[in-house]
Amino acid sequence: MAHQTDSTDTLLAYVRDVSLRDDEILRGLREETARLPGGASMQVMAEEGQLLALLVGLTGARSVLELGTFTGYSALCMARALPADGSVVTCDITDRWPEVGAAFWRRDGLDDRIELRVGDATDTLDELLAERGAGAFDLVFVDADKTNYRTYYEKSLDLTRSGGLLVIDNTLYFGRVADPEFDDADTVAVRELNSALATDERVDISMLPMADGITLVRKR
């Protein structure tokens, strides 16, 4: 009883059955994404989208920043949880995949709450800092290319208000972070960020063994 319960397929199906609050629009976007090349593996799982929405509500966020839009499922989940005057700035290197989600944003009447910025994420973060200043965002969700995770973290921390929350995805990276045989650039970058977070006195952290690893980071 003192150890983690094994997550069998049966147990995960039960969790989804009793806890996931789903609807036609969310389901439709997930199904559309799953039909894309690599879509099923790159998509934020439904439970994670629901968690993001809960975190937006718990933090009372009005301004949300997302790095890595893909087809916009997580952006939609977070936009739904915002007050009417709230906004999500979501960033991606291309508008090809976000266009898939934009149709669902419009169907849900939330496209006016979601601003897509296309370009290199590092440049976009610098632009946002210049435009809005430090501490402009209440919550930041990082789910972009892994090799730049440390840079994204540092710049996102500057953009997060004191007491605000960063949510960093893929911090277990398919389990490779715990296997020294994996030394590819992506795994090394995630591993190095995890080690840095463990001793970063600017923040409080909690790593959740959910999905592909989700680390919650509260800026002190």
Protein backbone atom coordinates (compact mmCIF):
# COMPACT_ATOMS: atom_id res chain seq x y z
CA MET A 1 0.00 0.00 0.00
CA ALA A 2 2.96 2.33 0.51
CA HIS A 3 4.03 2.09 -3.12
CA GLN A 4 2.66 3.43 -6.40
CA THR A 5 -0.21 1.47 -7.93
CA ASP A 6 0.73 -0.16 -11.23
CA SER A 7 -1.01 1.65 -14.08
CA THR A 8 -2.53 -1.17 -16.08
CA ASP A 9 -4.61 -0.53 -19.19
CA THR A 10 -7.69 -1.61 -17.27
CA LEU A 11 -6.99 0.82 -14.44
CA LEU A 12 -6.26 3.69 -16.84
CA ALA A 13 -9.52 2.98 -18.65
CA TYR A 14 -11.33 3.12 -15.31
CA VAL A 15 -9.70 6.46 -14.46
CA ARG A 16 -10.79 7.89 -17.78
CA ASP A 17 -14.30 6.52 -17.33
CA VAL A 18 -14.86 8.10 -13.92
CA SER A 19 -12.86 11.34 -14.18
CA LEU A 20 -12.66 12.60 -17.75
CA ARG A 21 -15.22 15.26 -18.63
CA ASP A 22 -15.38 15.16 -22.40
CA ASP A 23 -17.53 16.61 -25.16
CA GLU A 24 -17.98 16.60 -28.92
CA ILE A 25 -15.58 19.47 -29.64
CA LEU A 26 -12.69 18.13 -27.56
CA ARG A 27 -13.24 14.63 -28.85
CA GLY A 28 -13.44 15.88 -32.42
CA LEU A 29 -10.13 17.74 -32.18
CA ARG A 30 -8.40 14.70 -30.69
CA GLU A 31 -9.76 12.47 -33.45
CA GLU A 32 -8.71 14.95 -36.14
CA THR A 33 -5.24 15.15 -34.63
CA ALA A 34 -4.90 11.37 -34.41
CA ARG A 35 -5.36 11.15 -38.17
CA LEU A 36 -2.27 13.29 -38.80
CA PRO A 37 1.22 11.79 -39.24
CA GLY A 38 2.54 11.25 -35.71
CA GLY A 39 -0.53 12.97 -34.33
CA ALA A 40 -1.47 10.37 -31.75
CA SER A 41 2.00 10.38 -30.18
CA MET A 42 2.43 14.17 -30.18
CA GLN A 43 -1.01 15.05 -28.89
CA VAL A 44 -1.57 16.09 -25.30
CA MET A 45 -3.65 13.35 -23.70
CA ALA A 46 -7.19 14.23 -22.72
CA GLU A 47 -6.50 13.92 -18.99
CA GLU A 48 -3.59 16.32 -19.26
CA GLY A 49 -5.75 18.84 -21.05
CA GLN A 50 -8.27 18.60 -18.23
CA LEU A 51 -5.48 19.04 -15.67
CA LEU A 52 -4.24 22.17 -17.46
CA ALA A 53 -7.74 23.63 -17.36
CA LEU A 54 -7.98 22.87 -13.65
CA LEU A 55 -4.62 24.55 -13.01
CA VAL A 56 -5.72 27.65 -14.91
CA GLY A 57 -8.76 27.85 -12.65
CA LEU A 58 -6.86 27.12 -9.45
CA THR A 59 -4.28 29.83 -10.12
CA GLY A 60 -6.93 32.35 -11.13
CA ALA A 61 -4.99 32.89 -14.34
CA ARG A 62 -6.03 35.56 -16.82
CA SER A 63 -2.94 35.49 -19.01
CA VAL A 64 -1.55 32.16 -20.24
CA LEU A 65 1.47 31.47 -22.42
CA GLU A 66 1.98 28.20 -24.29
CA LEU A 67 5.13 27.08 -26.10
CA GLY A 68 4.25 24.40 -28.63
CA THR A 69 0.74 24.64 -30.07
CA PHE A 70 0.63 21.61 -32.38
CA THR A 71 -3.11 21.28 -33.19
CA GLY A 72 -4.21 23.48 -30.32
CA TYR A 73 -5.88 20.98 -28.01
CA SER A 74 -4.17 22.21 -24.85
CA ALA A 75 -4.72 25.84 -25.89
CA LEU A 76 -8.43 25.14 -26.21
CA CYS A 77 -8.58 23.42 -22.82
CA MET A 78 -6.84 26.34 -21.11
CA ALA A 79 -8.87 28.99 -22.96
CA ARG A 80 -12.07 27.36 -21.74
CA ALA A 81 -10.95 27.79 -18.14
CA LEU A 82 -10.15 31.49 -18.47
CA PRO A 83 -12.47 34.32 -17.51
CA ALA A 84 -14.10 36.23 -20.37
CA ASP A 85 -11.29 38.81 -20.42
CA GLY A 86 -8.51 36.20 -20.29
CA SER A 87 -6.21 35.19 -23.11
CA VAL A 88 -3.83 32.46 -24.26
CA VAL A 89 -0.78 33.33 -26.32
CA THR A 90 0.27 30.11 -28.02
CA CYS A 91 3.49 29.79 -30.00
CA ASP A 92 4.57 27.40 -32.73
CA ILE A 93 7.23 27.23 -35.42
CA THR A 94 4.56 26.80 -38.12
CA ASP A 95 0.89 27.60 -38.61
CA ARG A 96 0.28 24.32 -40.47
CA TRP A 97 -0.85 22.29 -37.46
CA PRO A 98 -2.45 25.10 -35.41
CA GLU A 99 -4.82 25.69 -38.34
CA VAL A 100 -6.36 22.31 -37.54
CA GLY A 101 -7.22 23.48 -34.04
CA ALA A 102 -8.31 26.96 -35.10
CA ALA A 103 -11.49 25.56 -36.64
CA PHE A 104 -12.37 23.97 -33.30
CA TRP A 105 -11.50 27.17 -31.41
CA ARG A 106 -14.02 28.98 -33.60
CA ARG A 107 -16.66 26.29 -33.12
CA ASP A 108 -16.25 26.69 -29.37
CA GLY A 109 -16.50 30.49 -29.62
CA LEU A 110 -13.06 30.93 -28.08
CA ASP A 111 -10.90 32.01 -31.01
CA ASP A 112 -10.92 35.58 -29.65
CA ARG A 113 -9.20 34.35 -26.47
CA ILE A 114 -6.38 32.55 -28.32
CA GLU A 115 -3.56 34.40 -30.06
CA LEU A 116 -1.23 32.34 -32.25
CA ARG A 117 2.34 33.52 -32.75
CA VAL A 118 4.39 31.77 -35.40
CA GLY A 119 8.17 31.73 -35.35
CA ASP A 120 11.18 30.63 -33.37
CA ALA A 121 10.07 30.32 -29.75
CA THR A 122 13.21 31.96 -28.37
CA ASP A 123 12.59 35.04 -30.51
CA THR A 124 8.91 35.06 -29.57
CA LEU A 125 9.77 34.96 -25.86
CA ASP A 126 12.14 37.90 -26.30
CA GLU A 127 9.43 39.80 -28.17
CA LEU A 128 6.87 39.15 -25.44
CA LEU A 129 9.29 40.31 -22.75
CA ALA A 130 9.89 43.53 -24.68
CA GLU A 131 6.19 44.06 -25.35
CA ARG A 132 4.66 43.08 -22.02
CA GLY A 133 7.49 43.14 -19.51
CA ALA A 134 8.56 40.69 -16.83
CA GLY A 135 5.88 38.83 -14.91
CA ALA A 136 3.24 39.34 -17.61
CA PHE A 137 1.83 35.81 -17.46
CA ASP A 138 0.08 33.89 -14.70
CA LEU A 139 0.67 30.43 -16.16
CA VAL A 140 3.09 29.10 -18.79
CA PHE A 141 2.86 25.68 -20.43
CA VAL A 142 6.10 24.46 -22.04
CA ASP A 143 5.70 21.69 -24.61
CA ALA A 144 8.03 22.58 -27.47
CA ASP A 145 11.29 21.15 -28.87
CA LYS A 146 13.31 19.57 -26.09
CA THR A 147 16.82 20.69 -27.01
CA ASN A 148 15.92 24.27 -26.06
CA TYR A 149 14.06 23.42 -22.86
CA ARG A 150 16.56 25.13 -20.56
CA THR A 151 16.39 28.34 -22.59
CA TYR A 152 12.61 28.21 -22.71
CA TYR A 153 12.47 27.66 -18.96
CA GLU A 154 14.68 30.63 -18.11
CA LYS A 155 12.88 33.02 -20.43
CA SER A 156 9.46 31.73 -19.35
CA LEU A 157 10.39 32.20 -15.71
CA ASP A 158 11.13 35.86 -16.43
CA LEU A 159 7.71 36.19 -18.03
CA THR A 160 5.89 34.51 -15.14
CA ARG A 161 4.63 36.57 -12.22
CA SER A 162 5.67 35.82 -8.67
CA GLY A 163 3.40 33.07 -7.41
CA GLY A 164 2.65 32.07 -10.99
CA LEU A 165 2.92 28.57 -12.39
CA LEU A 166 4.99 26.93 -15.10
CA VAL A 167 3.88 23.53 -16.36
CA ILE A 168 6.64 21.64 -18.17
CA ASP A 169 5.65 18.64 -20.27
CA ASN A 170 7.63 15.51 -21.20
CA THR A 171 9.99 15.69 -18.24
CA LEU A 172 10.25 11.88 -18.14
CA TYR A 173 10.73 11.75 -21.92
CA PHE A 174 9.60 8.21 -22.63
CA GLY A 175 11.53 7.04 -19.54
CA ARG A 176 14.84 7.78 -21.26
CA VAL A 177 15.91 10.34 -18.66
CA ALA A 178 16.50 7.50 -16.19
CA ASP A 179 18.44 5.35 -18.67
CA PRO A 180 22.11 6.40 -19.09
CA GLU A 181 22.28 4.56 -22.40
CA PHE A 182 20.25 7.36 -23.98
CA ASP A 183 22.49 10.34 -24.71
CA ASP A 184 20.69 11.97 -27.64
CA ALA A 185 20.34 15.74 -27.56
CA ASP A 186 16.66 15.76 -26.57
CA THR A 187 17.07 13.34 -23.68
CA VAL A 188 20.17 15.12 -22.40
CA ALA A 189 18.41 18.49 -22.53
CA VAL A 190 15.40 17.25 -20.54
CA ARG A 191 17.66 15.45 -18.06
CA GLU A 192 19.73 18.61 -17.52
CA LEU A 193 16.63 20.74 -16.95
CA ASN A 194 15.30 18.24 -14.42
CA SER A 195 18.58 18.36 -12.52
CA ALA A 196 18.61 22.16 -12.60
CA LEU A 197 15.03 22.37 -11.32
CA ALA A 198 15.84 20.11 -8.37
CA THR A 199 18.16 22.78 -6.91
CA ASP A 200 16.61 25.98 -8.27
CA GLU A 201 15.78 28.06 -5.19
CA ARG A 202 13.73 30.52 -7.23
CA VAL A 203 10.91 27.99 -7.48
CA ASP A 204 8.96 25.22 -5.79
CA ILE A 205 8.50 22.06 -7.84
CA SER A 206 6.60 18.81 -8.10
CA MET A 207 7.21 16.23 -10.82
CA LEU A 208 4.13 14.16 -11.62
CA PRO A 209 4.61 10.66 -13.10
CA MET A 210 1.64 11.26 -15.38
CA ALA A 211 1.53 11.00 -19.17
CA ASP A 212 5.17 11.55 -20.24
CA GLY A 213 6.06 13.36 -17.03
CA ILE A 214 4.67 16.76 -16.01
CA THR A 215 6.62 19.08 -13.73
CA LEU A 216 4.77 21.84 -11.90
CA VAL A 217 6.97 24.84 -11.12
CA ARG A 218 5.74 27.66 -8.87
CA LYS A 219 7.74 30.86 -9.02
CA ARG A 220 8.49 32.13 -5.55
